[in-house]
Structure formats: C-alpha cells, structure tokens
Protein backbone atom coordinates (compact mmCIF):
# COMPACT_ATOMS: atom_id res chain seq x y z
CA MET A 1 79.17 4.63 -184.78
CA TRP A 2 82.00 6.16 -187.11
CA SER A 3 81.33 9.79 -185.70
CA SER A 4 81.14 7.72 -181.85
CA ASP A 5 85.36 7.52 -183.59
CA ARG A 6 85.41 10.22 -185.18
CA ARG A 7 84.48 11.91 -181.96
CA THR A 8 87.19 10.53 -179.85
CA LEU A 9 90.12 10.48 -182.76
CA LEU A 10 89.38 14.52 -181.98
CA LYS A 11 89.43 14.65 -178.47
CA LEU A 12 92.49 12.84 -178.44
CA ALA A 13 93.93 15.02 -181.32
CA GLY A 14 93.39 17.92 -179.57
CA ALA A 15 94.78 16.48 -176.30
CA THR A 16 98.01 15.63 -178.04
CA LEU A 17 97.87 19.90 -180.06
CA LEU A 18 97.47 21.24 -176.43
CA GLY A 19 100.18 19.58 -175.09
CA ALA A 20 102.62 20.00 -177.74
CA CYS A 21 102.90 23.91 -177.53
CA GLY A 22 103.07 23.01 -173.94
CA PHE A 23 99.93 24.16 -173.02
CA THR A 24 99.22 23.15 -168.38
CA PRO A 25 96.15 23.33 -166.83
CA ALA A 26 95.96 26.32 -164.02
CA TYR A 27 95.01 24.25 -161.38
CA ALA A 28 97.09 20.84 -162.63
CA PRO A 29 100.49 19.89 -160.63
CA GLN A 30 102.81 21.71 -162.84
CA GLY A 31 100.67 24.76 -163.47
CA GLY A 32 100.94 27.75 -161.24
CA GLY A 33 97.37 28.18 -160.47
CA ALA A 34 96.63 25.39 -157.87
CA ALA A 35 99.79 27.80 -155.59
CA LEU A 36 97.16 30.61 -155.64
CA LEU A 37 94.39 28.37 -154.03
CA ALA A 38 94.13 28.77 -149.95
CA GLY A 39 97.14 30.62 -150.64
CA VAL A 40 96.12 34.42 -151.40
CA GLN A 41 95.34 37.27 -147.82
CA PRO A 42 93.99 39.68 -149.43
CA ASP A 43 94.01 43.06 -148.04
CA SER A 44 91.89 43.31 -144.79
CA PRO A 45 88.44 44.63 -146.04
CA LYS A 46 87.61 48.39 -145.08
CA THR A 47 84.46 49.25 -146.53
CA GLN A 48 80.63 46.91 -148.18
CA ASP A 49 82.62 46.53 -151.11
CA ASP A 50 85.17 45.91 -150.19
CA PHE A 51 84.06 42.23 -148.10
CA ALA A 52 81.81 42.11 -151.42
CA LEU A 53 85.57 41.86 -153.19
CA VAL A 54 86.98 39.80 -150.77
CA ARG A 55 84.44 37.51 -149.98
CA ARG A 56 84.13 36.55 -154.14
CA LEU A 57 87.66 35.99 -153.74
CA SER A 58 87.65 33.83 -150.70
CA GLU A 59 84.93 31.46 -152.15
CA ARG A 60 87.04 31.20 -156.01
CA LEU A 61 90.62 30.97 -154.25
CA GLY A 62 89.35 28.89 -151.07
CA PRO A 63 89.66 30.07 -147.57
CA VAL A 64 93.01 31.31 -146.99
CA GLU A 65 95.20 28.01 -145.57
CA VAL A 66 98.33 28.97 -145.45
CA ALA A 67 99.57 32.68 -146.93
CA ARG A 68 102.36 32.59 -149.45
CA TYR A 69 101.09 36.11 -151.54
CA ARG A 70 99.16 39.09 -150.27
CA LEU A 71 97.02 40.71 -152.16
CA SER A 72 96.26 44.17 -152.48
CA TYR A 73 93.68 46.01 -153.79
CA LYS A 74 91.72 49.75 -154.73
CA ILE A 75 88.73 49.75 -155.62
CA GLN A 76 87.13 52.94 -157.36
CA THR A 77 83.33 53.25 -158.07
CA ASP A 78 80.95 56.44 -159.40
CA VAL A 79 77.38 56.56 -159.84
CA LEU A 80 75.22 57.96 -163.74
CA GLY A 81 72.01 58.79 -164.35
CA GLN A 82 70.82 57.47 -167.13
CA ALA A 83 67.65 57.14 -168.12
CA ILE A 84 65.53 60.84 -167.13
CA THR A 85 62.13 62.27 -167.03
CA PRO A 86 61.34 65.15 -168.91
CA ASP A 87 60.21 66.17 -164.79
CA ASN A 88 64.21 65.32 -164.54
CA ALA A 89 63.29 62.07 -162.69
CA THR A 90 66.44 59.43 -162.43
CA THR A 91 65.38 56.42 -163.36
CA ARG A 92 68.01 53.88 -164.60
CA TYR A 93 71.12 53.75 -162.55
CA SER A 94 75.49 53.02 -163.75
CA LEU A 95 77.50 52.10 -162.05
CA THR A 96 80.97 51.41 -163.44
CA GLY A 97 83.99 50.45 -161.38
CA LEU A 98 87.61 49.91 -161.29
CA ALA A 99 90.16 48.04 -158.85
CA ASP A 100 93.25 48.04 -159.56
CA TYR A 101 95.55 45.10 -157.41
CA THR A 102 98.98 43.85 -156.28
CA LEU A 103 99.85 40.64 -155.98
CA HIS A 104 102.92 40.46 -153.08
CA ASP A 105 105.15 37.69 -151.63
CA ALA A 106 103.73 37.21 -148.11
CA GLY A 107 107.68 37.10 -147.01
CA SER A 108 109.54 39.47 -148.72
CA ASP A 109 106.82 42.29 -149.15
CA ALA A 110 108.36 41.89 -153.09
CA VAL A 111 105.82 43.19 -155.78
CA LEU A 112 105.17 39.73 -157.81
CA LEU A 113 102.16 41.48 -160.20
CA THR A 114 99.78 44.33 -160.80
CA GLY A 115 96.98 45.28 -163.21
CA ARG A 116 93.72 46.79 -163.32
CA VAL A 117 90.55 45.44 -164.24
CA THR A 118 87.16 47.38 -165.16
CA SER A 119 83.38 46.79 -165.13
CA PHE A 120 80.06 48.26 -165.02
CA THR A 121 76.63 47.37 -164.47
CA SER A 122 72.97 48.75 -163.83
CA TRP A 123 69.62 48.94 -161.52
CA SER A 124 66.47 50.90 -162.07
CA ALA A 125 64.56 53.20 -159.74
CA THR A 126 61.29 53.44 -160.57
CA GLY A 127 59.85 51.08 -157.90
CA SER A 128 60.18 52.62 -154.31
CA ILE A 129 62.41 52.94 -152.22
CA VAL A 130 63.14 50.34 -150.58
CA ALA A 131 62.65 48.72 -153.32
CA THR A 132 65.26 51.13 -155.78
CA GLN A 133 68.48 50.93 -152.62
CA THR A 134 68.18 47.31 -152.33
CA ALA A 135 68.65 47.48 -155.99
CA GLU A 136 70.97 49.82 -155.62
CA ARG A 137 73.30 47.63 -153.15
CA ASP A 138 72.87 44.38 -155.58
CA ALA A 139 73.88 46.21 -158.42
CA HIS A 140 77.93 46.90 -156.45
CA LEU A 141 77.38 42.95 -154.92
CA ARG A 142 77.37 42.07 -158.86
CA LEU A 143 80.11 44.16 -159.80
CA MET A 144 82.06 43.52 -157.20
CA ARG A 145 81.60 39.80 -158.10
CA MET A 146 82.52 40.59 -161.34
CA LEU A 147 86.01 42.07 -160.67
CA ALA A 148 86.75 39.40 -158.06
CA ASP A 149 86.31 37.80 -161.45
CA GLN A 150 88.87 39.35 -163.46
CA ILE A 151 91.49 39.95 -161.26
CA VAL A 152 90.77 35.52 -160.31
CA THR A 153 91.11 35.15 -163.89
CA ARG A 154 94.29 37.63 -164.13
CA LEU A 155 96.15 35.83 -161.61
CA LEU A 156 95.51 32.11 -162.66
CA ALA A 157 96.74 33.61 -166.25
CA GLN A 158 100.65 35.00 -164.88
CA ALA A 159 100.36 31.94 -161.98
CA GLY A 160 102.91 30.45 -164.32
CA SER A 161 105.94 33.21 -163.56
CA LEU A 162 105.20 33.41 -160.15
CA PRO A 163 107.87 31.89 -157.79
CA LYS A 164 107.22 28.47 -156.01
C-alpha cells in the first residue's frame, strides 16, 4: 500500500515541478506543436526518397488541411561499400543521408526555421540480385523514415517560437 501512495506522490510532485519550470507538452493547447498538426505542406516530391520522406512527414504531422507552413527540403545520400571479400566482391553497403530543411510561413514565404538532420543505415548484398535490390530499397525507406522523424522532432522542439 505504501508503494502505491509513494508512486502517486511522486507523480504529483513531478507534474508540479514540470509545470513550475515552464514545461508545456508540444501538443497541448498552449504548446506550439498543435499548429504543426495538419498545417505543414512539404514541397512536392520528385524522387523515390522524396516520396518516402514526405509520406513519413504526413504520417507524423497529419495530412494538410490548412497550410500554415511550407517545408522545403533537400536530401543527399551516399552509398559506401563496407565489407569487401578477398575477390573484391562487396557484401555489405552503408547508406548515409542528410536532409536540409527550411520551414516557411505559407502566406509570406518568410523563413521561420532551418536545420539539418543526418542518419545512416546499411544492407547486406550476399543474396540474389533481386534480394540485394530489395534490401537497398528498404534501406532507403528506413533512412527517409529516420530523417523525417528527426525533422519532426526538431520542428516540435522549436514550435513554441513559431508565429501563431
């Protein structure tokens, strides 16, 4: 019984301390994240990587209802062979990527936030040609998902500074 009371007391103390320091949850009515939900229009995708990034942004921020912001982005990826056999066959590849992004006001096109996110993944090339190609496509999808998640996290962290 005491452990239950102690947990309740700790929860209340934690909530009080967070409120006292000015912490506001991102999606709370006073948090800046609410303005991002269904309000960020990414630039139109042109490549498969762009499509994967934009799809994940839409999953995280919701489909655009009223565009308050425009998100421009530039993706760069690089493939590097990591495991090379004595007969010079590459059996593992790494895929690194970076995305530079800029959040604009949808009405005035003024720059509100900018940033860069990076990540990496890899895939094995020891199977058939079809399996290797599938693994490479999957690696690109995973990388774009990671980059999009990082962009959303950064936008949410800075959402309080955005104009309402």
